[in-house]
């Protein structure tokens, strides 16, 4: 199966840009797609209908406190959509879909973390992990725009923790807001597996921004049970991706063992 996460920037923008979003999704052809920033989709959901039609998929939209809603598209039956009892913990939102994958349950959690402060993101991850429980042999994934960088990742073309050595007057504000990394480390300590980094230990894998890629914010994390079937992971940069959103999507191919 192919799993994809994609932040489409502010609902996909005007019609011409949203048409490019559809082209990116159609070309990637995921079996399961989680979309961040479904701004303005509710209640008509016309754009959700368009994505579902191009994939031949069912969908559900989970409303978030910031109106940056999450949408789940699946060629497998969607059995349930859940959100945490307390949504005020999250700047944007978190939701979990339970799928029936050829008779086996699989949970896919979509997340969109805070964009301003790494300590807030780490707290959001902690709340999400407490809600989800520990990963194990079940099929499970956490995907989305986590707005966070990972220890050791290349940022701004600078390898790993050398980012800490950038002089203050040369360090952009957005990087101050993400360093030192805390949020992704919490996911990794809990046992979640970074799919892209597992398959590509030496690639930058930049997902943001499409006009000047310089950091990896978008992730697919897998439970140990799902990670055993990991076959490939890719950042979707093929045209027209650079003109469809400010983020590149990420796709992961799994064999369901």
Protein backbone atom coordinates (compact mmCIF):
# COMPACT_ATOMS: atom_id res chain seq x y z
CA UNK A 1 0.00 0.00 0.00
CA UNK A 2 1.09 3.58 -0.57
CA UNK A 3 0.62 6.17 2.19
CA UNK A 4 0.99 9.91 1.58
CA UNK A 5 0.96 13.07 3.68
CA UNK A 6 0.52 16.45 2.01
CA UNK A 7 0.09 19.99 3.33
CA UNK A 8 -1.70 21.77 0.49
CA UNK A 9 -1.32 25.31 1.95
CA UNK A 10 -4.46 27.18 2.93
CA UNK A 11 -6.98 24.79 1.40
CA UNK A 12 -5.25 24.57 -1.97
CA UNK A 13 -5.62 28.23 -2.93
CA UNK A 14 -7.43 29.48 -5.99
CA UNK A 15 -8.79 27.05 -8.55
CA UNK A 16 -5.70 27.01 -10.77
CA UNK A 17 -3.42 26.12 -7.88
CA UNK A 18 -5.84 23.52 -6.57
CA UNK A 19 -5.80 21.92 -10.02
CA UNK A 20 -2.05 21.47 -9.58
CA UNK A 21 -2.66 19.92 -6.15
CA UNK A 22 -4.94 17.41 -7.86
CA UNK A 23 -2.23 16.69 -10.44
CA UNK A 24 0.31 15.97 -7.68
CA UNK A 25 -2.10 13.66 -5.87
CA UNK A 26 -3.15 11.89 -9.05
CA UNK A 27 0.47 11.28 -10.07
CA UNK A 28 1.43 9.98 -6.61
CA UNK A 29 -1.70 7.77 -6.49
CA UNK A 30 -1.67 6.93 -2.78
CA UNK A 31 -3.98 4.31 -1.33
CA UNK A 32 -4.19 6.41 1.83
CA UNK A 33 -3.73 10.19 1.85
CA UNK A 34 -3.77 12.62 4.77
CA UNK A 35 -4.11 16.29 3.83
CA UNK A 36 -3.15 19.19 6.11
CA UNK A 37 -4.64 22.69 5.94
CA UNK A 38 -8.06 21.92 4.49
CA UNK A 39 -9.00 25.55 5.09
CA UNK A 40 -12.47 26.56 3.95
CA UNK A 41 -13.51 23.07 2.86
CA UNK A 42 -16.25 22.60 5.44
CA UNK A 43 -19.22 22.32 5.06
CA UNK A 44 -19.41 21.87 1.27
CA UNK A 45 -16.32 19.64 0.98
CA UNK A 46 -16.27 20.15 -2.81
CA UNK A 47 -12.48 19.93 -2.84
CA UNK A 48 -12.53 16.78 -0.76
CA UNK A 49 -14.97 15.34 -3.31
CA UNK A 50 -12.54 16.24 -6.12
CA UNK A 51 -9.56 14.54 -4.45
CA UNK A 52 -11.65 11.48 -3.61
CA UNK A 53 -12.83 11.23 -7.21
CA UNK A 54 -9.30 11.40 -8.64
CA UNK A 55 -8.12 8.63 -6.28
CA UNK A 56 -11.23 6.46 -6.29
CA UNK A 57 -11.26 6.81 -2.50
CA UNK A 58 -13.59 7.39 0.41
CA UNK A 59 -12.88 10.30 2.76
CA UNK A 60 -13.55 11.93 6.10
CA UNK A 61 -12.73 15.48 7.22
CA UNK A 62 -11.77 16.12 10.84
CA UNK A 63 -12.34 19.68 11.99
CA UNK A 64 -9.51 21.35 13.92
CA UNK A 65 -9.58 24.22 16.40
CA UNK A 66 -7.61 26.48 14.04
CA UNK A 67 -9.81 25.65 11.00
CA UNK A 68 -6.71 24.06 9.46
CA UNK A 69 -8.73 20.87 9.13
CA UNK A 70 -7.37 17.38 8.41
CA UNK A 71 -8.77 15.18 5.64
CA UNK A 72 -8.31 11.42 5.33
CA UNK A 73 -8.71 9.70 1.95
CA UNK A 74 -8.59 5.93 1.65
CA UNK A 75 -9.15 3.22 -0.93
CA UNK A 76 -9.70 0.96 2.07
CA UNK A 77 -12.88 1.29 4.15
CA UNK A 78 -12.69 3.98 6.83
CA UNK A 79 -14.23 2.48 9.98
CA UNK A 80 -13.85 5.42 12.37
CA UNK A 81 -12.44 8.92 12.84
CA UNK A 82 -11.48 9.99 16.36
CA UNK A 83 -10.07 13.14 17.95
CA UNK A 84 -8.70 13.64 21.48
CA UNK A 85 -11.23 14.62 24.13
CA UNK A 86 -9.27 17.82 24.77
CA UNK A 87 -8.45 19.62 21.54
CA UNK A 88 -7.26 22.80 23.26
CA UNK A 89 -3.85 21.16 23.75
CA UNK A 90 -3.20 21.55 20.02
CA UNK A 91 -2.67 24.75 18.05
CA UNK A 92 -4.07 23.09 14.93
CA UNK A 93 -5.18 19.52 15.49
CA UNK A 94 -4.74 15.75 15.61
CA UNK A 95 -7.14 13.05 14.41
CA UNK A 96 -6.96 9.28 13.99
CA UNK A 97 -8.57 7.19 11.26
CA UNK A 98 -9.12 3.46 11.65
CA UNK A 99 -9.01 1.63 8.32
CA UNK A 100 -9.95 -1.90 7.30
CA UNK A 101 -6.95 -2.98 5.24
CA UNK A 102 -7.87 -6.30 3.69
CA UNK A 103 -9.46 -7.43 6.92
CA UNK A 104 -6.76 -6.00 9.19
CA UNK A 105 -7.20 -2.82 11.26
CA UNK A 106 -4.74 -0.01 10.65
CA UNK A 107 -4.72 3.36 12.38
CA UNK A 108 -3.42 6.47 10.64
CA UNK A 109 -3.04 9.55 12.80
CA UNK A 110 -2.87 12.90 11.06
CA UNK A 111 -1.15 15.72 12.92
CA UNK A 112 -0.42 19.40 12.34
CA UNK A 113 1.77 20.82 15.08
CA UNK A 114 2.38 24.37 16.23
CA UNK A 115 4.47 26.53 13.90
CA UNK A 116 5.88 28.99 16.45
CA UNK A 117 7.68 27.23 19.29
CA UNK A 118 9.53 23.91 19.69
CA UNK A 119 8.59 23.52 23.34
CA UNK A 120 4.92 23.78 22.38
CA UNK A 121 5.42 21.16 19.67
CA UNK A 122 7.10 18.84 22.15
CA UNK A 123 4.13 19.24 24.52
CA UNK A 124 1.73 18.51 21.65
CA UNK A 125 3.67 15.34 20.82
CA UNK A 126 3.49 14.30 24.47
CA UNK A 127 -0.28 14.78 24.53
CA UNK A 128 -0.67 12.88 21.25
CA UNK A 129 1.45 9.97 22.50
CA UNK A 130 -0.53 9.78 25.73
CA UNK A 131 -3.74 9.59 23.68
CA UNK A 132 -2.45 7.00 21.19
CA UNK A 133 -0.57 4.75 23.58
CA UNK A 134 2.71 2.98 22.76
CA UNK A 135 3.27 1.58 19.26
CA UNK A 136 3.75 -2.14 18.82
CA UNK A 137 3.09 -4.91 16.32
CA UNK A 138 -0.14 -3.34 15.08
CA UNK A 139 -0.30 -1.47 11.77
CA UNK A 140 -0.13 2.21 12.67
CA UNK A 141 1.25 5.49 11.35
CA UNK A 142 1.56 9.10 12.45
CA UNK A 143 1.81 11.51 9.51
CA UNK A 144 1.64 15.19 8.78
CA UNK A 145 3.21 18.63 8.90
CA UNK A 146 4.99 18.51 12.23
CA UNK A 147 6.71 21.89 11.72
CA UNK A 148 9.79 20.43 13.41
CA UNK A 149 13.31 19.46 12.48
CA UNK A 150 15.16 16.34 13.57
CA UNK A 151 18.47 16.08 15.37
CA UNK A 152 21.11 15.32 12.75
CA UNK A 153 19.03 16.50 9.79
CA UNK A 154 20.53 18.86 7.26
CA UNK A 155 18.98 22.33 7.45
CA UNK A 156 19.78 25.27 5.19
CA UNK A 157 22.33 23.05 3.48
CA UNK A 158 24.23 22.67 6.77
CA UNK A 159 24.68 19.14 8.05
CA UNK A 160 23.25 18.01 11.35
CA UNK A 161 24.01 19.72 14.63
CA UNK A 162 26.34 22.25 12.96
CA UNK A 163 23.14 24.31 12.80
CA UNK A 164 23.82 25.17 16.45
CA UNK A 165 27.00 26.94 15.37
CA UNK A 166 25.27 29.45 13.08
CA UNK A 167 25.93 32.97 14.45
CA UNK A 168 22.82 34.54 15.95
CA UNK A 169 22.84 37.41 13.47
CA UNK A 170 22.88 34.94 10.56
CA UNK A 171 20.26 32.50 11.90
CA UNK A 172 16.76 33.07 10.48
CA UNK A 173 13.96 33.48 13.01
CA UNK A 174 12.14 30.35 11.79
CA UNK A 175 15.19 28.25 12.71
CA UNK A 176 15.42 29.75 16.20
CA UNK A 177 11.84 28.53 16.67
CA UNK A 178 12.86 24.94 15.88
CA UNK A 179 16.19 24.49 17.59
CA UNK A 180 17.23 22.61 19.63
CA UNK A 181 14.94 19.80 18.40
CA UNK A 182 12.62 18.25 20.99
CA UNK A 183 9.35 17.20 19.35
CA UNK A 184 10.63 14.58 16.90
CA UNK A 185 12.93 13.13 19.57
CA UNK A 186 9.86 12.36 21.71
CA UNK A 187 8.30 10.37 18.89
CA UNK A 188 11.51 8.44 18.32
CA UNK A 189 12.00 7.67 22.01
CA UNK A 190 8.45 6.32 22.11
CA UNK A 191 9.36 3.78 19.40
CA UNK A 192 7.94 5.41 16.27
CA UNK A 193 10.06 4.91 13.15
CA UNK A 194 10.89 7.78 10.76
CA UNK A 195 10.13 6.15 7.40
CA UNK A 196 12.01 8.56 5.13
CA UNK A 197 15.15 8.69 7.25
CA UNK A 198 15.16 4.89 7.58
CA UNK A 199 15.24 4.48 3.80
CA UNK A 200 17.39 7.55 3.07
CA UNK A 201 19.86 8.12 5.91
CA UNK A 202 21.99 10.56 3.91
CA UNK A 203 19.39 12.53 1.90
CA UNK A 204 18.22 15.95 3.07
CA UNK A 205 14.61 15.14 2.20
CA UNK A 206 13.55 18.78 2.28
CA UNK A 207 9.78 19.27 2.23
CA UNK A 208 9.61 23.02 2.94
CA UNK A 209 9.45 25.38 1.23
CA UNK A 210 8.90 24.44 -2.38
CA UNK A 211 10.33 27.68 -3.77
CA UNK A 212 13.52 27.41 -1.70
CA UNK A 213 13.71 24.00 0.02
CA UNK A 214 15.70 24.20 3.24
CA UNK A 215 14.16 21.94 5.90
CA UNK A 216 12.19 18.74 6.48
CA UNK A 217 8.91 19.40 8.28
CA UNK A 218 6.65 16.67 6.87
CA UNK A 219 6.92 13.12 8.17
CA UNK A 220 5.57 9.59 8.07
CA UNK A 221 6.25 7.73 11.31
CA UNK A 222 5.46 4.02 11.51
CA UNK A 223 4.83 1.62 14.36
CA UNK A 224 7.43 -1.18 14.59
CA UNK A 225 4.83 -3.56 13.14
CA UNK A 226 4.24 -1.38 10.08
CA UNK A 227 7.94 -0.50 9.71
CA UNK A 228 8.80 -4.15 9.12
CA UNK A 229 7.03 -3.82 5.78
CA UNK A 230 8.66 -0.51 4.78
CA UNK A 231 9.81 -0.72 1.17
CA UNK A 232 10.41 2.87 0.07
CA UNK A 233 9.88 6.52 0.96
CA UNK A 234 10.04 9.59 -1.24
CA UNK A 235 9.54 13.34 -1.16
CA UNK A 236 7.22 14.20 -4.06
CA UNK A 237 9.04 16.91 -6.00
CA UNK A 238 7.95 16.13 -9.56
CA UNK A 239 6.17 18.91 -11.48
CA UNK A 240 3.85 20.57 -10.73
CA UNK A 241 4.63 20.05 -7.01
CA UNK A 242 6.77 23.18 -6.71
CA UNK A 243 3.83 25.33 -7.86
CA UNK A 244 1.05 23.48 -6.04
CA UNK A 245 1.82 24.25 -2.38
CA UNK A 246 4.55 25.59 -0.10
CA UNK A 247 5.17 21.99 1.05
CA UNK A 248 6.20 18.88 -0.84
CA UNK A 249 4.29 15.73 -0.01
CA UNK A 250 5.87 12.54 1.32
CA UNK A 251 4.92 9.04 0.12
CA UNK A 252 5.76 5.72 1.76
CA UNK A 253 5.34 2.27 0.23
CA UNK A 254 4.52 -0.57 2.60
CA UNK A 255 4.19 -4.30 2.26
CA UNK A 256 1.64 -5.45 4.79
CA UNK A 257 3.38 -8.42 6.41
